[in-house]
Amino acid sequence: YQPKPGTKFQWQLSNCNKVNTSVNADVFDIDLFETPEKKIKELQNKGKKVICYFSGGTIESWRDDAEDFLNKGVVLAEMEDWENENWVNINSSKLKPLIQNRLDIAVEKGCDGVEIDNVDGYTFDENDFTYSQQLKFNKWLADEAHKRNLSIGLKNDMDQIKDLLPFYDWALNEECYEYGECEKYKPFIEANKAVFGVSYITG
C-alpha cells in the first residue's frame, strides 16, 4: 500500500481502544499494542487503511515485550526527554528477532502498514551510531515490512530521505512547519508518495 499525496490521515496513539472511526480520514495510524484487533477490522470494514505504530529504535518500559529486550542485552541509554524509554542497539543481531516479532504482530492483527518510530538515533549525542549504520538498519526495516506485505513510512529522519526514498512507501514528520523543514520532503511528493505532517498545539 502506497498512499498518494492528498490522502487524509488520522493519527491517534493513545486511547486506541476508543478510536473514533467516524473521523473523515482515509488512513488511521494507531498504536500496535494498544489497539484491539476488532477495532482494526472495524476501520477496514469502513474502507479505511490501518497503519500500526511501534518504536523500532527504542524500547518503552511498559510494552508487553520490554523484558525480552532487556534479556537480549540490546537496551542502551535512556532517552533524554522521555522517561522509561531507552535507545536500543541497532547494530546488534539480537535486536532483529525482536523487531521481526513486532512486525509479525502487525500481520496477525491485520494492519495494512507500520509506522516505526525513532529511526534517527544516529543524530542523538547519547548514541554512537553512524549514518551508514542507521541507513543499513532502516533499509532492513523496510525490507522486513515488505516481506510481510506491510506498507512502511519513514518517520522523521530527514537527512536520509534521498537514500531511503526507494525503500519507503510514504513519510511522516513531526513539526516540519515549526522548524522550516517541510521542503526536505519534496522527493516523496515528487515520487507520488504521501507525506503526513503532524503539528502539536499547546494550551
Protein backbone atom coordinates (compact mmCIF):
# COMPACT_ATOMS: atom_id res chain seq x y z
CA TYR A 1 0.00 0.00 0.00
CA GLN A 2 1.46 3.34 -1.11
CA PRO A 3 -0.75 6.34 -0.22
CA LYS A 4 -0.62 9.27 -2.60
CA PRO A 5 -0.26 12.97 -1.72
CA GLY A 6 -3.61 14.34 -0.56
CA THR A 7 -4.58 11.20 1.35
CA LYS A 8 -6.50 12.13 4.53
CA PHE A 9 -4.71 10.97 7.66
CA GLN A 10 -5.75 10.45 11.29
CA TRP A 11 -3.03 9.91 13.94
CA GLN A 12 -4.11 8.61 17.35
CA LEU A 13 -1.56 6.88 19.58
CA SER A 14 -3.46 6.95 22.88
CA ASN A 15 -6.87 5.64 23.98
CA CYS A 16 -6.70 3.37 20.95
CA ASN A 17 -9.45 1.11 22.28
CA LYS A 18 -11.72 4.12 21.70
CA VAL A 19 -10.63 5.19 18.22
CA ASN A 20 -13.26 7.44 16.68
CA THR A 21 -13.96 5.52 13.49
CA SER A 22 -16.27 8.26 12.18
CA VAL A 23 -13.37 10.67 11.51
CA ASN A 24 -13.20 11.63 7.83
CA ALA A 25 -9.83 10.07 7.01
CA ASP A 26 -8.53 7.51 4.54
CA VAL A 27 -5.73 6.27 6.80
CA PHE A 28 -5.75 5.71 10.56
CA ASP A 29 -2.37 5.49 12.29
CA ILE A 30 -2.84 3.84 15.69
CA ASP A 31 -0.79 2.02 18.34
CA LEU A 32 0.13 -1.57 17.52
CA PHE A 33 -0.08 -2.87 21.07
CA GLU A 34 -2.97 -0.85 22.49
CA THR A 35 -5.42 -1.16 19.61
CA PRO A 36 -7.71 -4.21 19.75
CA GLU A 37 -7.80 -6.33 16.60
CA LYS A 38 -11.57 -5.83 16.38
CA LYS A 39 -11.05 -2.04 16.15
CA ILE A 40 -8.65 -2.53 13.22
CA LYS A 41 -11.22 -4.73 11.48
CA GLU A 42 -13.95 -2.16 12.17
CA LEU A 43 -11.92 0.54 10.42
CA GLN A 44 -11.09 -1.69 7.48
CA ASN A 45 -14.73 -2.66 7.08
CA LYS A 46 -15.39 1.07 6.57
CA GLY A 47 -12.83 1.12 3.76
CA LYS A 48 -10.02 2.62 5.82
CA LYS A 49 -6.34 1.65 5.77
CA VAL A 50 -4.78 1.00 9.17
CA ILE A 51 -1.16 1.83 9.99
CA CYS A 52 0.17 0.40 13.25
CA TYR A 53 2.70 2.35 15.30
CA PHE A 54 5.61 0.96 17.26
CA SER A 55 9.13 2.08 18.09
CA GLY A 56 12.00 0.30 16.37
CA GLY A 57 14.84 2.39 17.77
CA THR A 58 13.80 2.45 21.42
CA ILE A 59 12.09 0.29 23.98
CA GLU A 60 9.36 1.67 26.23
CA SER A 61 9.35 0.00 29.65
CA TRP A 62 5.58 -0.51 29.67
CA ARG A 63 5.39 -2.58 26.47
CA ASP A 64 4.44 -6.25 26.69
CA ASP A 65 7.77 -7.36 25.23
CA ALA A 66 10.05 -4.94 27.14
CA GLU A 67 11.57 -7.73 29.22
CA ASP A 68 12.64 -9.54 26.04
CA PHE A 69 14.71 -6.51 25.02
CA LEU A 70 16.37 -6.41 28.44
CA ASN A 71 17.10 -10.14 28.40
CA LYS A 72 18.76 -9.88 24.98
CA GLY A 73 21.08 -7.12 26.19
CA VAL A 74 20.15 -4.63 23.47
CA VAL A 75 18.99 -1.79 25.75
CA LEU A 76 21.19 1.33 25.78
CA ALA A 77 20.97 4.82 27.30
CA GLU A 78 17.71 6.39 28.41
CA MET A 79 16.25 8.93 26.01
CA GLU A 80 16.98 12.46 27.12
CA ASP A 81 13.42 13.81 27.11
CA TRP A 82 11.41 10.63 27.69
CA GLU A 83 11.23 8.75 30.98
CA ASN A 84 11.03 4.96 30.90
CA GLU A 85 12.20 4.80 27.30
CA ASN A 86 15.66 3.69 26.21
CA TRP A 87 17.52 3.52 22.94
CA VAL A 88 18.29 0.05 21.59
CA ASN A 89 21.41 -1.18 19.83
CA ILE A 90 20.56 -1.16 16.13
CA ASN A 91 23.88 -2.88 15.37
CA SER A 92 23.07 -5.97 17.44
CA SER A 93 21.92 -9.11 15.64
CA LYS A 94 19.91 -9.89 18.78
CA LEU A 95 17.63 -6.93 18.08
CA LYS A 96 16.39 -8.24 14.74
CA PRO A 97 14.18 -11.10 16.03
CA LEU A 98 12.56 -8.68 18.49
CA ILE A 99 11.64 -6.27 15.69
CA GLN A 100 10.54 -9.13 13.45
CA ASN A 101 8.22 -10.29 16.22
CA ARG A 102 6.60 -6.86 16.34
CA LEU A 103 6.12 -6.91 12.58
CA ASP A 104 4.56 -10.36 12.89
CA ILE A 105 2.13 -8.98 15.48
CA ALA A 106 1.18 -6.28 12.96
CA VAL A 107 0.42 -9.00 10.42
CA GLU A 108 -1.55 -11.07 12.94
CA LYS A 109 -3.67 -8.05 13.87
CA GLY A 110 -4.35 -7.28 10.21
CA CYS A 111 -2.51 -3.95 9.95
CA ASP A 112 -2.05 -2.60 6.42
CA GLY A 113 1.26 -0.98 7.29
CA VAL A 114 3.57 0.22 10.03
CA GLU A 115 4.94 3.48 11.37
CA ILE A 116 8.26 2.66 13.02
CA ASP A 117 9.46 5.39 15.35
CA ASN A 118 12.91 6.56 16.47
CA VAL A 119 14.82 5.56 13.35
CA ASP A 120 17.16 8.56 13.58
CA GLY A 121 19.13 7.56 16.67
CA TYR A 122 22.40 8.37 14.94
CA THR A 123 21.57 12.09 15.25
CA PHE A 124 21.46 11.97 19.06
CA ASP A 125 24.57 12.52 21.17
CA GLU A 126 23.82 9.65 23.56
CA ASN A 127 24.28 7.12 20.74
CA ASP A 128 27.41 6.05 18.88
CA PHE A 129 25.62 5.02 15.67
CA THR A 130 26.95 6.24 12.34
CA TYR A 131 24.95 7.45 9.35
CA SER A 132 25.75 4.26 7.45
CA GLN A 133 24.77 2.01 10.36
CA GLN A 134 21.42 3.77 10.69
CA LEU A 135 20.90 3.59 6.93
CA LYS A 136 21.55 -0.16 6.92
CA PHE A 137 19.09 -0.69 9.79
CA ASN A 138 16.39 1.46 8.19
CA LYS A 139 16.70 -0.37 4.87
CA TRP A 140 16.42 -3.65 6.76
CA LEU A 141 13.23 -2.42 8.47
CA ALA A 142 11.68 -1.60 5.09
CA ASP A 143 12.68 -4.97 3.64
CA GLU A 144 11.22 -6.86 6.60
CA ALA A 145 7.96 -4.91 6.39
CA HIS A 146 7.63 -5.52 2.66
CA LYS A 147 8.35 -9.25 3.10
CA ARG A 148 5.17 -9.30 5.17
CA ASN A 149 3.20 -7.20 2.66
CA LEU A 150 3.16 -4.28 5.09
CA SER A 151 3.39 -0.69 3.92
CA ILE A 152 6.04 1.29 5.79
CA GLY A 153 6.53 5.02 6.37
CA LEU A 154 9.73 6.90 7.11
CA LYS A 155 9.32 8.70 10.44
CA ASN A 156 11.34 11.94 10.60
CA ASP A 157 14.99 11.05 9.71
CA MET A 158 15.03 13.81 7.10
CA ASP A 159 18.75 13.66 6.35
CA GLN A 160 18.41 10.15 4.93
CA ILE A 161 15.43 10.82 2.66
CA LYS A 162 17.49 10.70 -0.53
CA ASP A 163 18.93 7.29 0.35
CA LEU A 164 15.72 5.80 1.74
CA LEU A 165 13.12 7.11 -0.71
CA PRO A 166 13.17 3.95 -2.89
CA PHE A 167 12.59 1.74 0.16
CA TYR A 168 9.74 3.60 1.91
CA ASP A 169 6.13 3.97 0.78
CA TRP A 170 5.29 7.27 2.50
CA ALA A 171 6.66 9.59 5.18
CA LEU A 172 5.53 11.12 8.46
CA ASN A 173 7.05 14.22 10.00
CA GLU A 174 6.58 15.99 13.30
CA GLU A 175 6.76 19.79 13.31
CA CYS A 176 8.36 20.45 9.92
CA TYR A 177 6.45 23.76 9.73
CA GLU A 178 7.77 24.78 13.14
CA TYR A 179 11.36 24.17 12.07
CA GLY A 180 11.11 25.14 8.40
CA GLU A 181 11.98 21.65 7.20
CA CYS A 182 8.99 20.70 5.06
CA GLU A 183 10.90 21.32 1.81
CA LYS A 184 13.07 18.32 2.60
CA TYR A 185 10.09 16.09 1.83
CA LYS A 186 9.71 17.20 -1.78
CA PRO A 187 11.33 13.98 -3.08
CA PHE A 188 8.48 11.96 -1.57
CA ILE A 189 5.84 14.21 -3.14
CA GLU A 190 7.62 14.14 -6.49
CA ALA A 191 7.62 10.33 -6.29
CA ASN A 192 3.82 10.47 -5.73
CA LYS A 193 4.22 9.22 -2.16
CA ALA A 194 2.23 10.83 0.66
CA VAL A 195 3.85 12.90 3.39
CA PHE A 196 1.80 13.18 6.58
CA GLY A 197 2.60 16.19 8.76
CA VAL A 198 1.94 16.41 12.49
CA SER A 199 1.94 19.69 14.43
CA TYR A 200 1.49 19.95 18.18
CA ILE A 201 -0.75 22.61 19.73
CA THR A 202 -0.15 23.71 23.30
CA GLY A 203 -2.78 25.07 25.62
